[in-house]
Amino acid sequence: MAKLLKKIFPTETHGTTVVLSPEGDPLGVEEAQLRREINALHELLDKPGAAALVVDLGGARYFSSIIIGAILTVCTKMKAQNRPTALCNASNAMLDILQIMKLDTILPYYATRAEALAAVEAQQS
């Protein structure tokens, strides 16, 4: 019987904005699954309808360097293409990590998903 794998990088769309809501760091994540999901995320963001990205960090208290690296890669890609990108909803522990890594100076951060969505939508106008 095949093992049902929990999705690491669930996404949804709000108009032309893709919302990425990582679920945290699953123990024993399979490298093949991680690679498939990252590739699928890149494919989604390459579509013309993906004009902006919001990363909602509320799915876990903190994330490992592997997950942060994957998030940073897609955010950097969006920024390089002048498409609005924002982080939001981090726990206090994760917000500390973002500040230590100085990611909050590279990517805008908002306390709530609604604020982040409003900010990236305003930048698209």
PDB file of N, CA and C in Angstrom:
ATOM      1  N   MET A   1       0.850  -1.178   0.000  1.00  0.00           N
ATOM      2  CA  MET A   1       0.000   0.000   0.000  1.00  0.00           C
ATOM      3  C   MET A   1       0.898   1.244   0.000  1.00  0.00           C
ATOM      4  N   ALA A   2       0.633   2.178  -0.910  1.00  0.00           N
ATOM      5  CA  ALA A   2       1.436   3.396  -1.036  1.00  0.00           C
ATOM      6  C   ALA A   2       1.190   4.325   0.142  1.00  0.00           C
ATOM      7  N   LYS A   3       2.267   4.922   0.604  1.00  0.00           N
ATOM      8  CA  LYS A   3       2.185   5.865   1.719  1.00  0.00           C
ATOM      9  C   LYS A   3       1.693   7.216   1.188  1.00  0.00           C
ATOM     10  N   LEU A   4       0.665   7.782   1.807  1.00  0.00           N
ATOM     11  CA  LEU A   4       0.138   9.082   1.415  1.00  0.00           C
ATOM     12  C   LEU A   4       1.030  10.166   2.002  1.00  0.00           C
ATOM     13  N   LEU A   5       1.622  10.965   1.137  1.00  0.00           N
ATOM     14  CA  LEU A   5       2.544  11.999   1.576  1.00  0.00           C
ATOM     15  C   LEU A   5       1.818  13.326   1.749  1.00  0.00           C
ATOM     16  N   LYS A   6       2.108  13.989   2.839  1.00  0.00           N
ATOM     17  CA  LYS A   6       1.552  15.311   3.091  1.00  0.00           C
ATOM     18  C   LYS A   6       2.271  16.315   2.196  1.00  0.00           C
ATOM     19  N   LYS A   7       1.514  17.211   1.599  1.00  0.00           N
ATOM     20  CA  LYS A   7       2.099  18.211   0.724  1.00  0.00           C
ATOM     21  C   LYS A   7       2.931  19.187   1.560  1.00  0.00           C
ATOM     22  N   ILE A   8       4.137  19.497   1.093  1.00  0.00           N
ATOM     23  CA  ILE A   8       5.045  20.383   1.808  1.00  0.00           C
ATOM     24  C   ILE A   8       4.751  21.841   1.478  1.00  0.00           C
ATOM     25  N   PHE A   9       4.405  22.101   0.212  1.00  0.00           N
ATOM     26  CA  PHE A   9       4.196  23.471  -0.267  1.00  0.00           C
ATOM     27  C   PHE A   9       2.799  23.652  -0.870  1.00  0.00           C
ATOM     28  N   PRO A  10       1.748  23.598  -0.048  1.00  0.00           N
ATOM     29  CA  PRO A  10       0.415  23.830  -0.602  1.00  0.00           C
ATOM     30  C   PRO A  10       0.285  25.268  -1.118  1.00  0.00           C
ATOM     31  N   THR A  11      -0.449  25.425  -2.205  1.00  0.00           N
ATOM     32  CA  THR A  11      -0.668  26.753  -2.784  1.00  0.00           C
ATOM     33  C   THR A  11      -2.150  26.957  -3.065  1.00  0.00           C
ATOM     34  N   GLU A  12      -2.503  28.213  -3.166  1.00  0.00           N
ATOM     35  CA  GLU A  12      -3.844  28.601  -3.612  1.00  0.00           C
ATOM     36  C   GLU A  12      -3.668  29.916  -4.354  1.00  0.00           C
ATOM     37  N   THR A  13      -4.679  30.306  -5.091  1.00  0.00           N
ATOM     38  CA  THR A  13      -4.584  31.570  -5.813  1.00  0.00           C
ATOM     39  C   THR A  13      -5.685  32.512  -5.362  1.00  0.00           C
ATOM     40  N   HIS A  14      -5.337  33.793  -5.362  1.00  0.00           N
ATOM     41  CA  HIS A  14      -6.270  34.880  -5.087  1.00  0.00           C
ATOM     42  C   HIS A  14      -6.116  35.845  -6.251  1.00  0.00           C
ATOM     43  N   GLY A  15      -6.987  35.714  -7.249  1.00  0.00           N
ATOM     44  CA  GLY A  15      -6.832  36.516  -8.453  1.00  0.00           C
ATOM     45  C   GLY A  15      -5.541  36.125  -9.145  1.00  0.00           C
ATOM     46  N   THR A  16      -4.629  37.080  -9.308  1.00  0.00           N
ATOM     47  CA  THR A  16      -3.350  36.804  -9.965  1.00  0.00           C
ATOM     48  C   THR A  16      -2.219  36.588  -8.954  1.00  0.00           C
ATOM     49  N   THR A  17      -2.569  36.462  -7.689  1.00  0.00           N
ATOM     50  CA  THR A  17      -1.571  36.247  -6.641  1.00  0.00           C
ATOM     51  C   THR A  17      -1.576  34.784  -6.207  1.00  0.00           C
ATOM     52  N   VAL A  18      -0.398  34.188  -6.202  1.00  0.00           N
ATOM     53  CA  VAL A  18      -0.226  32.828  -5.693  1.00  0.00           C
ATOM     54  C   VAL A  18       0.117  32.954  -4.211  1.00  0.00           C
ATOM     55  N   VAL A  19      -0.593  32.192  -3.365  1.00  0.00           N
ATOM     56  CA  VAL A  19      -0.304  32.159  -1.934  1.00  0.00           C
ATOM     57  C   VAL A  19       0.301  30.794  -1.628  1.00  0.00           C
ATOM     58  N   LEU A  20       1.527  30.831  -1.159  1.00  0.00           N
ATOM     59  CA  LEU A  20       2.260  29.634  -0.774  1.00  0.00           C
ATOM     60  C   LEU A  20       2.185  29.524   0.746  1.00  0.00           C
ATOM     61  N   SER A  21       1.739  28.371   1.235  1.00  0.00           N
ATOM     62  CA  SER A  21       1.586  28.167   2.683  1.00  0.00           C
ATOM     63  C   SER A  21       2.340  26.919   3.112  1.00  0.00           C
ATOM     64  N   PRO A  22       3.666  27.011   3.254  1.00  0.00           N
ATOM     65  CA  PRO A  22       4.425  25.819   3.642  1.00  0.00           C
ATOM     66  C   PRO A  22       3.914  25.236   4.947  1.00  0.00           C
ATOM     67  N   GLU A  23       3.897  23.922   5.016  1.00  0.00           N
ATOM     68  CA  GLU A  23       3.330  23.223   6.165  1.00  0.00           C
ATOM     69  C   GLU A  23       4.352  22.891   7.234  1.00  0.00           C
ATOM     70  N   GLY A  24       5.553  23.386   7.110  1.00  0.00           N
ATOM     71  CA  GLY A  24       6.554  23.053   8.106  1.00  0.00           C
ATOM     72  C   GLY A  24       7.492  21.995   7.573  1.00  0.00           C
ATOM     73  N   ASP A  25       8.270  21.434   8.437  1.00  0.00           N
ATOM     74  CA  ASP A  25       9.274  20.460   8.038  1.00  0.00           C
ATOM     75  C   ASP A  25       8.835  19.057   8.417  1.00  0.00           C
ATOM     76  N   PRO A  26       8.310  18.334   7.442  1.00  0.00           N
ATOM     77  CA  PRO A  26       7.925  16.961   7.757  1.00  0.00           C
ATOM     78  C   PRO A  26       9.176  16.125   8.032  1.00  0.00           C
ATOM     79  N   LEU A  27       9.129  15.357   9.089  1.00  0.00           N
ATOM     80  CA  LEU A  27      10.255  14.491   9.408  1.00  0.00           C
ATOM     81  C   LEU A  27      10.355  13.410   8.349  1.00  0.00           C
ATOM     82  N   GLY A  28      11.549  13.132   7.946  1.00  0.00           N
ATOM     83  CA  GLY A  28      11.748  12.074   6.974  1.00  0.00           C
ATOM     84  C   GLY A  28      11.205  12.419   5.603  1.00  0.00           C
ATOM     85  N   VAL A  29      11.199  13.691   5.250  1.00  0.00           N
ATOM     86  CA  VAL A  29      10.702  14.076   3.932  1.00  0.00           C
ATOM     87  C   VAL A  29      11.548  13.394   2.863  1.00  0.00           C
ATOM     88  N   GLU A  30      10.863  12.911   1.859  1.00  0.00           N
ATOM     89  CA  GLU A  30      11.565  12.257   0.765  1.00  0.00           C
ATOM     90  C   GLU A  30      12.113  13.314  -0.173  1.00  0.00           C
ATOM     91  N   GLU A  31      13.377  13.188  -0.513  1.00  0.00           N
ATOM     92  CA  GLU A  31      14.020  14.161  -1.393  1.00  0.00           C
ATOM     93  C   GLU A  31      13.291  14.254  -2.731  1.00  0.00           C
ATOM     94  N   ALA A  32      12.818  13.131  -3.233  1.00  0.00           N
ATOM     95  CA  ALA A  32      12.109  13.125  -4.526  1.00  0.00           C
ATOM     96  C   ALA A  32      10.824  13.951  -4.435  1.00  0.00           C
ATOM     97  N   GLN A  33      10.096  13.832  -3.330  1.00  0.00           N
ATOM     98  CA  GLN A  33       8.865  14.610  -3.154  1.00  0.00           C
ATOM     99  C   GLN A  33       9.204  16.091  -3.076  1.00  0.00           C
ATOM    100  N   LEU A  34      10.233  16.434  -2.300  1.00  0.00           N
ATOM    101  CA  LEU A  34      10.641  17.820  -2.158  1.00  0.00           C
ATOM    102  C   LEU A  34      10.993  18.405  -3.527  1.00  0.00           C
ATOM    103  N   ARG A  35      11.775  17.684  -4.296  1.00  0.00           N
ATOM    104  CA  ARG A  35      12.173  18.141  -5.633  1.00  0.00           C
ATOM    105  C   ARG A  35      10.949  18.311  -6.542  1.00  0.00           C
ATOM    106  N   ARG A  36      10.019  17.339  -6.514  1.00  0.00           N
ATOM    107  CA  ARG A  36       8.798  17.423  -7.342  1.00  0.00           C
ATOM    108  C   ARG A  36       7.986  18.666  -6.980  1.00  0.00           C
ATOM    109  N   GLU A  37       7.819  18.899  -5.690  1.00  0.00           N
ATOM    110  CA  GLU A  37       7.002  20.037  -5.260  1.00  0.00           C
ATOM    111  C   GLU A  37       7.659  21.368  -5.593  1.00  0.00           C
ATOM    112  N   ILE A  38       8.972  21.453  -5.443  1.00  0.00           N
ATOM    113  CA  ILE A  38       9.670  22.696  -5.791  1.00  0.00           C
ATOM    114  C   ILE A  38       9.564  22.945  -7.298  1.00  0.00           C
ATOM    115  N   ASN A  39       9.734  21.894  -8.106  1.00  0.00           N
ATOM    116  CA  ASN A  39       9.592  22.042  -9.556  1.00  0.00           C
ATOM    117  C   ASN A  39       8.182  22.472  -9.934  1.00  0.00           C
ATOM    118  N   ALA A  40       7.178  21.873  -9.293  1.00  0.00           N
ATOM    119  CA  ALA A  40       5.782  22.239  -9.567  1.00  0.00           C
ATOM    120  C   ALA A  40       5.516  23.687  -9.177  1.00  0.00           C
ATOM    121  N   LEU A  41       6.121  24.133  -8.086  1.00  0.00           N
ATOM    122  CA  LEU A  41       5.968  25.512  -7.641  1.00  0.00           C
ATOM    123  C   LEU A  41       6.572  26.475  -8.670  1.00  0.00           C
ATOM    124  N   HIS A  42       7.751  26.148  -9.168  1.00  0.00           N
ATOM    125  CA  HIS A  42       8.379  26.975 -10.208  1.00  0.00           C
ATOM    126  C   HIS A  42       7.511  27.015 -11.472  1.00  0.00           C
ATOM    127  N   GLU A  43       6.955  25.870 -11.856  1.00  0.00           N
ATOM    128  CA  GLU A  43       6.082  25.822 -13.037  1.00  0.00           C
ATOM    129  C   GLU A  43       4.854  26.701 -12.836  1.00  0.00           C
ATOM    130  N   LEU A  44       4.256  26.642 -11.657  1.00  0.00           N
ATOM    131  CA  LEU A  44       3.090  27.472 -11.353  1.00  0.00           C
ATOM    132  C   LEU A  44       3.440  28.948 -11.447  1.00  0.00           C
ATOM    133  N   LEU A  45       4.584  29.333 -10.889  1.00  0.00           N
ATOM    134  CA  LEU A  45       4.978  30.740 -10.890  1.00  0.00           C
ATOM    135  C   LEU A  45       5.429  31.214 -12.273  1.00  0.00           C
ATOM    136  N   ASP A  46       5.761  30.295 -13.178  1.00  0.00           N
ATOM    137  CA  ASP A  46       6.141  30.658 -14.544  1.00  0.00           C
ATOM    138  C   ASP A  46       4.926  30.947 -15.420  1.00  0.00           C
ATOM    139  N   LYS A  47       3.741  30.596 -14.958  1.00  0.00           N
ATOM    140  CA  LYS A  47       2.531  30.833 -15.755  1.00  0.00           C
ATOM    141  C   LYS A  47       2.220  32.327 -15.784  1.00  0.00           C
ATOM    142  N   PRO A  48       1.685  32.809 -16.916  1.00  0.00           N
ATOM    143  CA  PRO A  48       1.397  34.243 -17.051  1.00  0.00           C
ATOM    144  C   PRO A  48       0.432  34.793 -15.995  1.00  0.00           C
ATOM    145  N   GLY A  49      -0.454  33.978 -15.480  1.00  0.00           N
ATOM    146  CA  GLY A  49      -1.432  34.443 -14.504  1.00  0.00           C
ATOM    147  C   GLY A  49      -0.882  34.633 -13.101  1.00  0.00           C
ATOM    148  N   ALA A  50       0.362  34.208 -12.862  1.00  0.00           N
ATOM    149  CA  ALA A  50       0.971  34.324 -11.533  1.00  0.00           C
ATOM    150  C   ALA A  50       1.748  35.638 -11.461  1.00  0.00           C
ATOM    151  N   ALA A  51       1.037  36.711 -11.154  1.00  0.00           N
ATOM    152  CA  ALA A  51       1.649  38.045 -11.171  1.00  0.00           C
ATOM    153  C   ALA A  51       2.316  38.425  -9.864  1.00  0.00           C
ATOM    154  N   ALA A  52       1.968  37.746  -8.769  1.00  0.00           N
ATOM    155  CA  ALA A  52       2.521  38.100  -7.456  1.00  0.00           C
ATOM    156  C   ALA A  52       2.557  36.848  -6.580  1.00  0.00           C
ATOM    157  N   LEU A  53       3.337  36.944  -5.494  1.00  0.00           N
ATOM    158  CA  LEU A  53       3.484  35.822  -4.570  1.00  0.00           C
ATOM    159  C   LEU A  53       3.409  36.316  -3.136  1.00  0.00           C
ATOM    160  N   VAL A  54       2.607  35.628  -2.335  1.00  0.00           N
ATOM    161  CA  VAL A  54       2.567  35.840  -0.886  1.00  0.00           C
ATOM    162  C   VAL A  54       2.933  34.509  -0.242  1.00  0.00           C
ATOM    163  N   VAL A  55       3.897  34.545   0.665  1.00  0.00           N
ATOM    164  CA  VAL A  55       4.284  33.338   1.402  1.00  0.00           C
ATOM    165  C   VAL A  55       3.752  33.475   2.822  1.00  0.00           C
ATOM    166  N   ASP A  56       2.745  32.661   3.148  1.00  0.00           N
ATOM    167  CA  ASP A  56       2.129  32.662   4.468  1.00  0.00           C
ATOM    168  C   ASP A  56       2.864  31.645   5.337  1.00  0.00           C
ATOM    169  N   LEU A  57       3.614  32.139   6.305  1.00  0.00           N
ATOM    170  CA  LEU A  57       4.459  31.288   7.147  1.00  0.00           C
ATOM    171  C   LEU A  57       3.740  30.763   8.387  1.00  0.00           C
ATOM    172  N   GLY A  58       2.423  30.889   8.439  1.00  0.00           N
ATOM    173  CA  GLY A  58       1.663  30.479   9.617  1.00  0.00           C
ATOM    174  C   GLY A  58       1.495  28.984   9.787  1.00  0.00           C
ATOM    175  N   GLY A  59       1.971  28.174   8.838  1.00  0.00           N
ATOM    176  CA  GLY A  59       1.777  26.730   8.898  1.00  0.00           C
ATOM    177  C   GLY A  59       2.666  26.008   9.887  1.00  0.00           C
ATOM    178  N   ALA A  60       3.669  26.689  10.424  1.00  0.00           N
ATOM    179  CA  ALA A  60       4.559  26.051  11.396  1.00  0.00           C
ATOM    180  C   ALA A  60       5.232  27.119  12.242  1.00  0.00           C
ATOM    181  N   ARG A  61       5.715  26.715  13.391  1.00  0.00           N
ATOM    182  CA  ARG A  61       6.390  27.651  14.298  1.00  0.00           C
ATOM    183  C   ARG A  61       7.725  28.109  13.726  1.00  0.00           C
ATOM    184  N   TYR A  62       8.407  27.193  13.040  1.00  0.00           N
ATOM    185  CA  TYR A  62       9.663  27.537  12.382  1.00  0.00           C
ATOM    186  C   TYR A  62       9.881  26.572  11.220  1.00  0.00           C
ATOM    187  N   PHE A  63      10.824  26.907  10.354  1.00  0.00           N
ATOM    188  CA  PHE A  63      11.124  26.093   9.184  1.00  0.00           C
ATOM    189  C   PHE A  63      12.623  25.828   9.127  1.00  0.00           C
ATOM    190  N   SER A  64      13.000  24.689   8.576  1.00  0.00           N
ATOM    191  CA  SER A  64      14.418  24.350   8.447  1.00  0.00           C
ATOM    192  C   SER A  64      15.045  25.140   7.300  1.00  0.00           C
ATOM    193  N   SER A  65      16.351  25.062   7.214  1.00  0.00           N
ATOM    194  CA  SER A  65      17.067  25.772   6.156  1.00  0.00           C
ATOM    195  C   SER A  65      16.666  25.265   4.772  1.00  0.00           C
ATOM    196  N   ILE A  66      16.288  24.007   4.650  1.00  0.00           N
ATOM    197  CA  ILE A  66      15.861  23.466   3.348  1.00  0.00           C
ATOM    198  C   ILE A  66      14.593  24.167   2.883  1.00  0.00           C
ATOM    199  N   ILE A  67      13.633  24.301   3.777  1.00  0.00           N
ATOM    200  CA  ILE A  67      12.364  24.947   3.422  1.00  0.00           C
ATOM    201  C   ILE A  67      12.587  26.439   3.203  1.00  0.00           C
ATOM    202  N   ILE A  68      13.356  27.086   4.076  1.00  0.00           N
ATOM    203  CA  ILE A  68      13.645  28.517   3.913  1.00  0.00           C
ATOM    204  C   ILE A  68      14.365  28.754   2.586  1.00  0.00           C
ATOM    205  N   GLY A  69      15.301  27.873   2.248  1.00  0.00           N
ATOM    206  CA  GLY A  69      16.014  27.997   0.979  1.00  0.00           C
ATOM    207  C   GLY A  69      15.084  27.907  -0.216  1.00  0.00           C
ATOM    208  N   ALA A  70      14.157  26.971  -0.179  1.00  0.00           N
ATOM    209  CA  ALA A  70      13.190  26.823  -1.280  1.00  0.00           C
ATOM    210  C   ALA A  70      12.307  28.064  -1.382  1.00  0.00           C
ATOM    211  N   ILE A  71      11.857  28.586  -0.239  1.00  0.00           N
ATOM    212  CA  ILE A  71      11.031  29.796  -0.225  1.00  0.00           C
ATOM    213  C   ILE A  71      11.826  30.975  -0.776  1.00  0.00           C
ATOM    214  N   LEU A  72      13.049  31.119  -0.317  1.00  0.00           N
ATOM    215  CA  LEU A  72      13.885  32.217  -0.766  1.00  0.00           C
ATOM    216  C   LEU A  72      14.146  32.149  -2.271  1.00  0.00           C
ATOM    217  N   THR A  73      14.335  30.951  -2.795  1.00  0.00           N
ATOM    218  CA  THR A  73      14.571  30.777  -4.233  1.00  0.00           C
ATOM    219  C   THR A  73      13.392  31.280  -5.057  1.00  0.00           C
ATOM    220  N   VAL A  74      12.170  30.898  -4.676  1.00  0.00           N
ATOM    221  CA  VAL A  74      11.014  31.349  -5.466  1.00  0.00           C
ATOM    222  C   VAL A  74      10.761  32.845  -5.270  1.00  0.00           C
ATOM    223  N   CYS A  75      10.999  33.348  -4.070  1.00  0.00           N
ATOM    224  CA  CYS A  75      10.813  34.785  -3.832  1.00  0.00           C
ATOM    225  C   CYS A  75      11.822  35.605  -4.642  1.00  0.00           C
ATOM    226  N   THR A  76      13.066  35.144  -4.674  1.00  0.00           N
ATOM    227  CA  THR A  76      14.108  35.832  -5.433  1.00  0.00           C
ATOM    228  C   THR A  76      13.779  35.827  -6.923  1.00  0.00           C
ATOM    229  N   LYS A  77      13.268  34.711  -7.403  1.00  0.00           N
ATOM    230  CA  LYS A  77      12.870  34.590  -8.809  1.00  0.00           C
ATOM    231  C   LYS A  77      11.778  35.611  -9.139  1.00  0.00           C
ATOM    232  N   MET A  78      10.786  35.719  -8.262  1.00  0.00           N
ATOM    233  CA  MET A  78       9.687  36.666  -8.492  1.00  0.00           C
ATOM    234  C   MET A  78      10.216  38.100  -8.480  1.00  0.00           C
ATOM    235  N   LYS A  79      11.044  38.427  -7.507  1.00  0.00           N
ATOM    236  CA  LYS A  79      11.607  39.781  -7.413  1.00  0.00           C
ATOM    237  C   LYS A  79      12.439  40.124  -8.641  1.00  0.00           C
ATOM    238  N   ALA A  80      13.212  39.171  -9.142  1.00  0.00           N
ATOM    239  CA  ALA A  80      14.060  39.398 -10.321  1.00  0.00           C
ATOM    240  C   ALA A  80      13.210  39.711 -11.550  1.00  0.00           C
ATOM    241  N   GLN A  81      11.979  39.229 -11.539  1.00  0.00           N
ATOM    242  CA  GLN A  81      11.059  39.468 -12.655  1.00  0.00           C
ATOM    243  C   GLN A  81      10.126  40.650 -12.351  1.00  0.00           C
ATOM    244  N   ASN A  82      10.462  41.424 -11.320  1.00  0.00           N
ATOM    245  CA  ASN A  82       9.675  42.594 -10.915  1.00  0.00           C
ATOM    246  C   ASN A  82       8.215  42.264 -10.629  1.00  0.00           C
ATOM    247  N   ARG A  83       8.012  41.084 -10.042  1.00  0.00           N
ATOM    248  CA  ARG A  83       6.658  40.702  -9.624  1.00  0.00           C
ATOM    249  C   ARG A  83       6.610  40.803  -8.106  1.00  0.00           C
ATOM    250  N   PRO A  84       5.579  41.458  -7.570  1.00  0.00           N
ATOM    251  CA  PRO A  84       5.488  41.681  -6.124  1.00  0.00           C
ATOM    252  C   PRO A  84       5.515  40.376  -5.328  1.00  0.00           C
ATOM    253  N   THR A  85       6.235  40.419  -4.222  1.00  0.00           N
ATOM    254  CA  THR A  85       6.398  39.268  -3.344  1.00  0.00           C
ATOM    255  C   THR A  85       6.374  39.751  -1.901  1.00  0.00           C
ATOM    256  N   ALA A  86       5.743  38.982  -1.018  1.00  0.00           N
ATOM    257  CA  ALA A  86       5.699  39.353   0.397  1.00  0.00           C
ATOM    258  C   ALA A  86       5.643  38.109   1.268  1.00  0.00           C
ATOM    259  N   LEU A  87       6.160  38.247   2.468  1.00  0.00           N
ATOM    260  CA  LEU A  87       6.068  37.221   3.497  1.00  0.00           C
ATOM    261  C   LEU A  87       5.045  37.686   4.526  1.00  0.00           C
ATOM    262  N   CYS A  88       4.396  36.734   5.204  1.00  0.00           N
ATOM    263  CA  CYS A  88       3.450  37.134   6.245  1.00  0.00           C
ATOM    264  C   CYS A  88       3.243  36.021   7.262  1.00  0.00           C
ATOM    265  N   ASN A  89       2.641  36.415   8.376  1.00  0.00           N
ATOM    266  CA  ASN A  89       2.069  35.489   9.354  1.00  0.00           C
ATOM    267  C   ASN A  89       3.086  34.569  10.025  1.00  0.00           C
ATOM    268  N   ALA A  90       4.305  35.029  10.225  1.00  0.00           N
ATOM    269  CA  ALA A  90       5.326  34.193  10.868  1.00  0.00           C
ATOM    270  C   ALA A  90       5.133  34.170  12.381  1.00  0.00           C
ATOM    271  N   SER A  91       5.503  33.049  12.980  1.00  0.00           N
ATOM    272  CA  SER A  91       5.523  32.975  14.451  1.00  0.00           C
ATOM    273  C   SER A  91       6.626  33.902  14.946  1.00  0.00           C
ATOM    274  N   ASN A  92       6.622  34.202  16.235  1.00  0.00           N
ATOM    275  CA  ASN A  92       7.688  35.047  16.792  1.00  0.00           C
ATOM    276  C   ASN A  92       9.058  34.422  16.579  1.00  0.00           C
ATOM    277  N   ALA A  93       9.148  33.091  16.739  1.00  0.00           N
ATOM    278  CA  ALA A  93      10.429  32.400  16.547  1.00  0.00           C
ATOM    279  C   ALA A  93      10.885  32.513  15.094  1.00  0.00           C
ATOM    280  N   MET A  94       9.945  32.346  14.159  1.00  0.00           N
ATOM    281  CA  MET A  94      10.304  32.426  12.738  1.00  0.00           C
ATOM    282  C   MET A  94      10.634  33.858  12.353  1.00  0.00           C
ATOM    283  N   LEU A  95       9.933  34.818  12.918  1.00  0.00           N
ATOM    284  CA  LEU A  95      10.226  36.229  12.641  1.00  0.00           C
ATOM    285  C   LEU A  95      11.641  36.575  13.110  1.00  0.00           C
ATOM    286  N   ASP A  96      12.042  36.046  14.257  1.00  0.00           N
ATOM    287  CA  ASP A  96      13.416  36.243  14.734  1.00  0.00           C
ATOM    288  C   ASP A  96      14.422  35.693  13.727  1.00  0.00           C
ATOM    289  N   ILE A  97      14.146  34.508  13.195  1.00  0.00           N
ATOM    290  CA  ILE A  97      15.035  33.888  12.205  1.00  0.00           C
ATOM    291  C   ILE A  97      15.108  34.753  10.945  1.00  0.00           C
ATOM    292  N   LEU A  98      13.957  35.239  10.479  1.00  0.00           N
ATOM    293  CA  LEU A  98      13.941  36.103   9.293  1.00  0.00           C
ATOM    294  C   LEU A  98      14.792  37.347   9.515  1.00  0.00           C
ATOM    295  N   GLN A  99      14.705  37.906  10.716  1.00  0.00           N
ATOM    296  CA  GLN A  99      15.476  39.110  11.025  1.00  0.00           C
ATOM    297  C   GLN A  99      16.964  38.803  11.160  1.00  0.00           C
ATOM    298  N   ILE A 100      17.304  37.692  11.778  1.00  0.00           N
ATOM    299  CA  ILE A 100      18.711  37.301  11.907  1.00  0.00           C
ATOM    300  C   ILE A 100      19.322  37.077  10.526  1.00  0.00           C
ATOM    301  N   MET A 101      18.557  36.447   9.636  1.00  0.00           N
ATOM    302  CA  MET A 101      19.035  36.180   8.275  1.00  0.00           C
ATOM    303  C   MET A 101      18.909  37.414   7.378  1.00  0.00           C
ATOM    304  N   LYS A 102      18.321  38.472   7.930  1.00  0.00           N
ATOM    305  CA  LYS A 102      18.101  39.732   7.208  1.00  0.00           C
ATOM    306  C   LYS A 102      17.176  39.574   5.997  1.00  0.00           C
ATOM    307  N   LEU A 103      16.337  38.550   6.028  1.00  0.00           N
ATOM    308  CA  LEU A 103      15.379  38.356   4.941  1.00  0.00           C
ATOM    309  C   LEU A 103      14.300  39.432   4.959  1.00  0.00           C
ATOM    310  N   ASP A 104      14.057  40.000   6.144  1.00  0.00           N
ATOM    311  CA  ASP A 104      13.056  41.059   6.253  1.00  0.00           C
ATOM    312  C   ASP A 104      13.531  42.350   5.586  1.00  0.00           C
ATOM    313  N   THR A 105      14.832  42.437   5.244  1.00  0.00           N
ATOM    314  CA  THR A 105      15.338  43.613   4.522  1.00  0.00           C
ATOM    315  C   THR A 105      15.276  43.381   3.010  1.00  0.00           C
ATOM    316  N   ILE A 106      15.132  42.131   2.607  1.00  0.00           N
ATOM    317  CA  ILE A 106      15.072  41.775   1.185  1.00  0.00           C
ATOM    318  C   ILE A 106      13.631  41.674   0.714  1.00  0.00           C
ATOM    319  N   LEU A 107      12.783  41.107   1.563  1.00  0.00           N
ATOM    320  CA  LEU A 107      11.378  40.869   1.217  1.00  0.00           C
ATOM    321  C   LEU A 107      10.480  41.572   2.219  1.00  0.00           C
ATOM    322  N   PRO A 108       9.434  42.238   1.736  1.00  0.00           N
ATOM    323  CA  PRO A 108       8.519  42.878   2.685  1.00  0.00           C
ATOM    324  C   PRO A 108       7.797  41.838   3.539  1.00  0.00           C
ATOM    325  N   TYR A 109       7.594  42.191   4.793  1.00  0.00           N
ATOM    326  CA  TYR A 109       6.912  41.305   5.735  1.00  0.00           C
ATOM    327  C   TYR A 109       5.664  41.999   6.272  1.00  0.00           C
ATOM    328  N   TYR A 110       4.566  41.247   6.366  1.00  0.00           N
ATOM    329  CA  TYR A 110       3.301  41.754   6.908  1.00  0.00           C
ATOM    330  C   TYR A 110       2.798  40.790   7.972  1.00  0.00           C
ATOM    331  N   ALA A 111       2.155  41.329   8.979  1.00  0.00           N
ATOM    332  CA  ALA A 111       1.684  40.510  10.097  1.00  0.00           C
ATOM    333  C   ALA A 111       0.588  39.533   9.676  1.00  0.00           C
ATOM    334  N   THR A 112      -0.243  39.923   8.712  1.00  0.00           N
ATOM    335  CA  THR A 112      -1.361  39.061   8.312  1.00  0.00           C
ATOM    336  C   THR A 112      -1.353  38.808   6.810  1.00  0.00           C
ATOM    337  N   ARG A 113      -2.032  37.745   6.428  1.00  0.00           N
ATOM    338  CA  ARG A 113      -2.178  37.419   5.010  1.00  0.00           C
ATOM    339  C   ARG A 113      -2.951  38.513   4.292  1.00  0.00           C
ATOM    340  N   ALA A 114      -3.981  39.034   4.926  1.00  0.00           N
ATOM    341  CA  ALA A 114      -4.795  40.089   4.297  1.00  0.00           C
ATOM    342  C   ALA A 114      -3.938  41.311   3.975  1.00  0.00           C
ATOM    343  N   GLU A 115      -3.055  41.704   4.907  1.00  0.00           N
ATOM    344  CA  GLU A 115      -2.174  42.855   4.663  1.00  0.00           C
ATOM    345  C   GLU A 115      -1.207  42.560   3.511  1.00  0.00           C
ATOM    346  N   ALA A 116      -0.663  41.365   3.481  1.00  0.00           N
ATOM    347  CA  ALA A 116       0.278  40.997   2.426  1.00  0.00           C
ATOM    348  C   ALA A 116      -0.420  40.969   1.069  1.00  0.00           C
ATOM    349  N   LEU A 117      -1.618  40.393   1.009  1.00  0.00           N
ATOM    350  CA  LEU A 117      -2.374  40.365  -0.244  1.00  0.00           C
ATOM    351  C   LEU A 117      -2.687  41.775  -0.731  1.00  0.00           C
ATOM    352  N   ALA A 118      -3.119  42.631   0.177  1.00  0.00           N
ATOM    353  CA  ALA A 118      -3.428  44.010  -0.202  1.00  0.00           C
ATOM    354  C   ALA A 118      -2.188  44.724  -0.729  1.00  0.00           C
ATOM    355  N   ALA A 119      -1.049  44.484  -0.109  1.00  0.00           N
ATOM    356  CA  ALA A 119       0.201  45.153  -0.522  1.00  0.00           C
ATOM    357  C   ALA A 119       0.639  44.701  -1.913  1.00  0.00           C
ATOM    358  N   VAL A 120       0.627  43.390  -2.180  1.00  0.00           N
ATOM    359  CA  VAL A 120       1.080  42.931  -3.494  1.00  0.00           C
ATOM    360  C   VAL A 120       0.074  43.280  -4.584  1.00  0.00           C
ATOM    361  N   GLU A 121      -1.209  43.287  -4.236  1.00  0.00           N
ATOM    362  CA  GLU A 121      -2.222  43.686  -5.213  1.00  0.00           C
ATOM    363  C   GLU A 121      -2.077  45.164  -5.565  1.00  0.00           C
ATOM    364  N   ALA A 122      -1.762  46.010  -4.588  1.00  0.00           N
ATOM    365  CA  ALA A 122      -1.562  47.445  -4.852  1.00  0.00           C
ATOM    366  C   ALA A 122      -0.366  47.664  -5.766  1.00  0.00           C
ATOM    367  N   GLN A 123       0.657  46.837  -5.634  1.00  0.00           N
ATOM    368  CA  GLN A 123       1.860  46.958  -6.473  1.00  0.00           C
ATOM    369  C   GLN A 123       1.610  46.509  -7.909  1.00  0.00           C
ATOM    370  N   GLN A 124       0.575  45.738  -8.121  1.00  0.00           N
ATOM    371  CA  GLN A 124       0.259  45.249  -9.471  1.00  0.00           C
ATOM    372  C   GLN A 124      -0.495  46.306 -10.287  1.00  0.00           C
ATOM    373  N   SER A 125      -1.083  47.279  -9.613  1.00  0.00           N
ATOM    374  CA  SER A 125      -1.910  48.270 -10.305  1.00  0.00           C
ATOM    375  C   SER A 125      -1.079  49.237 -11.111  1.00  0.00           C
TER     376      SER A 125
END
